[in-house]
Amino acid sequence: MKFLLDNKLAPLTFNWGFLEAGVDAVGAAYQRWQKKILHSVKVASVDLPLADALRRLEPLDLGSQRVLFLSTKSRWTACFDNGVKGGNPSTFVGELAQQMKCRGITCGAIPNTLTKSDALKPGTWGAVKFTLFAPEQREYLNIERSVSVINDVRGWTFNSVGKVQDFEQVDRYAARKIADRFTSEMLEDYCRVFGIDLFNEDFYGGKGLVTHTYLWFFPMKSGSTTLAQARQQLGFSD
């Protein structure tokens, strides 16, 4: 199974996304949206390789208050957030795709280290996820297509929403083992169709910005979970 940066900075690399627009336009749209929903926004510019840029998301928190928008070697801007158990970029990538009238993509590649018998131990439930967002409303939100395999204490499930795309390897969806129905290699292939070199560290980096949002009528509270602490809680040993 493939992971971004070999998961050396997980959970920051568990889930991430892309918007088909330049980083300045994406950052400006995100700030406008956050202010509309009563959030104050602090912004810091970065010009860094991927690993160094991701470290600017510390400390981690439950509400994903910090977001990194980073240039790539393509027409897409990469999006990461600082969720302590893995980010949730779908919450803002889908919204911004509609607001900006562009396509969006979110991805997930999470290792499976837990079983039902050790569910309470430090570790992670596995998942591979791909969602393509349209610029306009679809049958369910603005999801053009979503495919995923996800594991939890009840076992693996395969899920799909939206119109099947021409590039999909649909024959793989019938695999006997559910985890084999959508793999990280397939996820990489799907993203390559859009010019995204998903797991290549050199694809990312350069101009970007880190945003920190909070409700304007509450004092800003900084999280206290470092990346090292989050990794330990998830069973990673550095």
Protein backbone atom coordinates (compact mmCIF):
# COMPACT_ATOMS: atom_id res chain seq x y z
CA MET A 1 0.00 0.00 0.00
CA LYS A 2 1.27 3.49 -0.86
CA PHE A 3 1.27 6.49 1.48
CA LEU A 4 2.25 10.12 1.09
CA LEU A 5 5.73 10.69 2.59
CA ASP A 6 5.57 7.05 3.72
CA ASN A 7 3.32 8.31 6.54
CA LYS A 8 6.30 9.88 8.32
CA LEU A 9 4.07 12.89 9.02
CA ALA A 10 0.81 10.99 9.53
CA PRO A 11 -1.94 11.77 10.46
CA LEU A 12 -1.39 14.96 8.41
CA THR A 13 -1.05 12.76 5.33
CA PHE A 14 -4.05 10.49 5.93
CA ASN A 15 -6.55 12.66 4.03
CA TRP A 16 -5.92 15.56 1.68
CA GLY A 17 -7.44 17.28 -1.31
CA PHE A 18 -7.06 19.44 -4.39
CA LEU A 19 -8.82 22.33 -6.06
CA GLU A 20 -8.39 23.06 -9.75
CA ALA A 21 -7.29 26.67 -9.31
CA GLY A 22 -4.23 28.68 -8.31
CA VAL A 23 -3.17 28.89 -4.68
CA ASP A 24 -3.87 32.62 -4.37
CA ALA A 25 -7.42 32.25 -5.68
CA VAL A 26 -8.09 29.25 -3.44
CA GLY A 27 -6.74 31.03 -0.36
CA ALA A 28 -8.81 34.14 -1.04
CA ALA A 29 -12.00 32.10 -1.56
CA TYR A 30 -11.41 30.18 1.65
CA GLN A 31 -10.93 33.37 3.66
CA ARG A 32 -14.11 34.95 2.24
CA TRP A 33 -16.11 31.84 3.09
CA GLN A 34 -14.76 31.58 6.63
CA LYS A 35 -15.59 35.22 7.35
CA LYS A 36 -19.14 34.64 6.14
CA ILE A 37 -19.57 31.88 8.72
CA LEU A 38 -18.32 34.09 11.55
CA HIS A 39 -14.72 32.94 11.57
CA SER A 40 -11.72 35.18 11.94
CA VAL A 41 -8.80 34.12 9.80
CA LYS A 42 -5.08 34.49 10.32
CA VAL A 43 -2.90 33.82 7.30
CA ALA A 44 0.81 33.07 6.99
CA SER A 45 2.57 32.72 3.64
CA VAL A 46 4.92 29.81 3.04
CA ASP A 47 7.32 28.82 0.28
CA LEU A 48 8.48 25.38 1.32
CA PRO A 49 8.78 21.72 0.32
CA LEU A 50 5.86 19.52 1.30
CA ALA A 51 7.25 18.08 4.55
CA ASP A 52 8.32 21.47 5.90
CA ALA A 53 5.02 23.06 4.90
CA LEU A 54 3.01 20.34 6.63
CA ARG A 55 4.82 20.97 9.91
CA ARG A 56 3.35 24.47 9.88
CA LEU A 57 -0.01 22.86 10.70
CA GLU A 58 1.04 22.08 14.28
CA PRO A 59 -0.45 21.91 16.82
CA LEU A 60 -3.13 19.45 15.76
CA ASP A 61 -6.75 19.65 16.92
CA LEU A 62 -10.15 18.04 16.55
CA GLY A 63 -11.72 20.88 14.63
CA SER A 64 -9.17 21.21 11.84
CA GLN A 65 -8.66 24.90 12.50
CA ARG A 66 -5.46 25.09 10.48
CA VAL A 67 -5.42 24.52 6.72
CA LEU A 68 -2.47 24.40 4.33
CA PHE A 69 -2.96 25.40 0.70
CA LEU A 70 0.15 24.48 -1.29
CA SER A 71 1.16 24.79 -4.93
CA THR A 72 1.82 21.71 -7.03
CA LYS A 73 3.46 21.05 -10.38
CA SER A 74 0.05 21.19 -12.02
CA ARG A 75 -3.02 23.40 -12.26
CA TRP A 76 -4.23 22.01 -8.90
CA THR A 77 -3.70 23.46 -5.41
CA ALA A 78 -3.16 20.85 -2.69
CA CYS A 79 -5.14 21.17 0.56
CA PHE A 80 -4.28 19.71 3.98
CA ASP A 81 -5.70 20.32 7.45
CA ASN A 82 -4.56 19.58 10.98
CA GLY A 83 -7.08 17.04 12.28
CA VAL A 84 -5.53 15.14 15.16
CA LYS A 85 -6.80 11.80 13.84
CA GLY A 86 -6.47 12.70 10.19
CA GLY A 87 -7.79 15.66 8.25
CA ASN A 88 -11.24 16.14 6.78
CA PRO A 89 -10.70 18.17 3.60
CA SER A 90 -14.09 17.23 2.14
CA THR A 91 -15.69 19.76 4.49
CA PHE A 92 -14.08 22.65 2.63
CA VAL A 93 -12.94 21.28 -0.75
CA GLY A 94 -16.49 20.44 -1.78
CA GLU A 95 -17.79 23.84 -0.69
CA LEU A 96 -15.00 25.78 -2.39
CA ALA A 97 -15.43 23.81 -5.61
CA GLN A 98 -18.99 25.13 -5.85
CA GLN A 99 -18.09 28.64 -4.83
CA MET A 100 -15.16 28.88 -7.24
CA LYS A 101 -16.89 26.93 -10.04
CA CYS A 102 -14.00 24.49 -10.36
CA ARG A 103 -13.45 20.80 -9.78
CA GLY A 104 -12.22 19.42 -6.48
CA ILE A 105 -10.77 16.09 -5.40
CA THR A 106 -10.25 14.56 -1.97
CA CYS A 107 -8.18 11.47 -1.25
CA GLY A 108 -7.42 9.20 1.66
CA ALA A 109 -4.86 6.47 2.27
CA ILE A 110 -4.81 5.18 5.84
CA PRO A 111 -3.03 2.02 7.02
CA ASN A 112 -5.02 -0.70 8.73
CA THR A 113 -3.39 -1.68 12.03
CA LEU A 114 -6.47 -2.64 14.07
CA THR A 115 -8.81 -5.60 14.29
CA LYS A 116 -11.97 -6.13 16.28
CA SER A 117 -9.99 -7.84 19.04
CA ASP A 118 -7.66 -4.87 19.60
CA ALA A 119 -10.04 -2.04 18.74
CA LEU A 120 -9.25 -0.12 21.93
CA LYS A 121 -5.50 -0.14 21.38
CA PRO A 122 -3.55 2.68 19.69
CA GLY A 123 -3.78 2.22 15.95
CA THR A 124 -5.69 3.12 12.81
CA TRP A 125 -8.60 1.70 10.87
CA GLY A 126 -7.66 1.36 7.22
CA ALA A 127 -9.21 3.27 4.34
CA VAL A 128 -8.65 4.27 0.73
CA LYS A 129 -10.91 7.05 -0.53
CA PHE A 130 -11.45 9.09 -3.70
CA THR A 131 -14.07 11.79 -4.22
CA LEU A 132 -14.48 14.01 -7.27
CA PHE A 133 -16.45 17.21 -6.67
CA ALA A 134 -18.23 19.04 -9.48
CA PRO A 135 -18.56 22.83 -9.77
CA GLU A 136 -22.35 22.46 -9.55
CA GLN A 137 -24.92 20.55 -7.53
CA ARG A 138 -25.33 16.86 -8.24
CA GLU A 139 -27.77 14.28 -6.90
CA TYR A 140 -25.91 14.24 -3.58
CA LEU A 141 -24.32 17.61 -2.78
CA ASN A 142 -21.84 18.33 -5.59
CA ILE A 143 -20.27 14.88 -5.59
CA GLU A 144 -19.62 13.75 -9.15
CA ARG A 145 -18.17 10.44 -8.03
CA SER A 146 -16.96 8.86 -4.80
CA VAL A 147 -15.34 5.44 -4.30
CA SER A 148 -13.92 4.06 -1.06
CA VAL A 149 -13.09 1.05 1.04
CA ILE A 150 -13.22 1.66 4.79
CA ASN A 151 -12.59 -0.58 7.77
CA ASP A 152 -13.90 -0.27 11.32
CA VAL A 153 -14.85 -2.59 14.16
CA ARG A 154 -17.66 -4.05 12.01
CA GLY A 155 -15.30 -4.93 9.14
CA TRP A 156 -14.50 -3.64 5.66
CA THR A 157 -17.11 -1.95 3.46
CA PHE A 158 -17.02 -0.80 -0.16
CA ASN A 159 -18.92 2.38 -1.00
CA SER A 160 -19.64 4.25 -4.21
CA VAL A 161 -21.72 7.32 -5.01
CA GLY A 162 -22.40 9.14 -8.27
CA LYS A 163 -21.82 8.44 -11.95
CA VAL A 164 -19.16 5.89 -12.89
CA GLN A 165 -16.28 7.61 -14.69
CA ASP A 166 -14.56 6.31 -17.83
CA PHE A 167 -11.20 5.92 -16.08
CA GLU A 168 -12.48 3.66 -13.30
CA GLN A 169 -11.21 0.08 -12.99
CA VAL A 170 -14.72 -1.22 -12.37
CA ASP A 171 -13.76 -4.88 -12.73
CA ARG A 172 -11.74 -4.54 -9.53
CA TYR A 173 -14.88 -3.65 -7.55
CA ALA A 174 -15.94 -7.30 -7.66
CA ALA A 175 -12.84 -8.60 -5.85
CA ARG A 176 -13.65 -11.20 -3.20
CA LYS A 177 -11.63 -9.39 -0.55
CA ILE A 178 -13.29 -6.02 0.06
CA ALA A 179 -10.00 -4.25 0.82
CA ASP A 180 -8.81 -5.20 -2.69
CA ARG A 181 -11.74 -3.52 -4.42
CA PHE A 182 -10.12 -0.09 -4.19
CA THR A 183 -6.40 0.15 -3.42
CA SER A 184 -3.95 3.00 -3.02
CA GLU A 185 -2.47 2.05 -6.39
CA MET A 186 -5.90 2.47 -7.98
CA LEU A 187 -6.29 5.78 -6.17
CA GLU A 188 -2.98 6.90 -7.64
CA ASP A 189 -4.14 5.87 -11.13
CA TYR A 190 -7.42 7.76 -10.77
CA CYS A 191 -5.64 10.94 -9.70
CA ARG A 192 -3.12 10.65 -12.52
CA VAL A 193 -5.99 11.08 -14.98
CA PHE A 194 -6.34 14.64 -13.65
CA GLY A 195 -2.62 15.43 -13.79
CA ILE A 196 -2.09 14.76 -10.07
CA ASP A 197 1.02 12.76 -9.12
CA LEU A 198 -0.50 11.80 -5.81
CA PHE A 199 2.27 10.11 -3.83
CA ASN A 200 5.26 11.89 -5.38
CA GLU A 201 6.73 14.27 -2.79
CA ASP A 202 8.34 16.38 -5.52
CA PHE A 203 4.92 17.09 -7.05
CA TYR A 204 4.13 19.33 -4.08
CA GLY A 205 5.77 22.44 -2.70
CA GLY A 206 6.56 26.07 -3.29
CA LYS A 207 4.19 28.96 -2.82
CA GLY A 208 1.40 28.43 -0.34
CA LEU A 209 -0.34 29.66 2.77
CA VAL A 210 -1.45 28.41 6.15
CA THR A 211 -4.73 29.66 7.57
CA HIS A 212 -5.84 29.57 11.20
CA THR A 213 -9.56 30.11 11.79
CA TYR A 214 -11.60 30.63 14.93
CA LEU A 215 -14.98 32.10 15.88
CA TRP A 216 -14.51 35.84 16.18
CA PHE A 217 -16.61 36.12 19.36
CA PHE A 218 -14.55 33.51 21.25
CA PRO A 219 -10.93 33.92 22.29
CA MET A 220 -8.58 31.97 20.02
CA LYS A 221 -7.47 28.76 21.69
CA SER A 222 -4.36 26.99 20.52
CA GLY A 223 -4.40 23.21 20.45
CA SER A 224 -1.98 21.33 22.62
CA THR A 225 -1.45 18.13 20.62
CA THR A 226 1.90 18.03 18.90
CA LEU A 227 2.46 15.92 15.82
CA ALA A 228 4.64 13.59 17.88
CA GLN A 229 1.88 13.13 20.47
CA ALA A 230 -0.74 12.50 17.80
CA ARG A 231 1.47 9.88 16.18
CA GLN A 232 1.99 8.13 19.49
CA GLN A 233 -1.75 8.08 20.15
CA LEU A 234 -2.27 6.43 16.77
CA GLY A 235 0.34 3.76 17.38
CA PHE A 236 3.19 5.13 15.29
CA SER A 237 6.66 4.58 16.73
CA ASP A 238 9.28 7.12 15.62
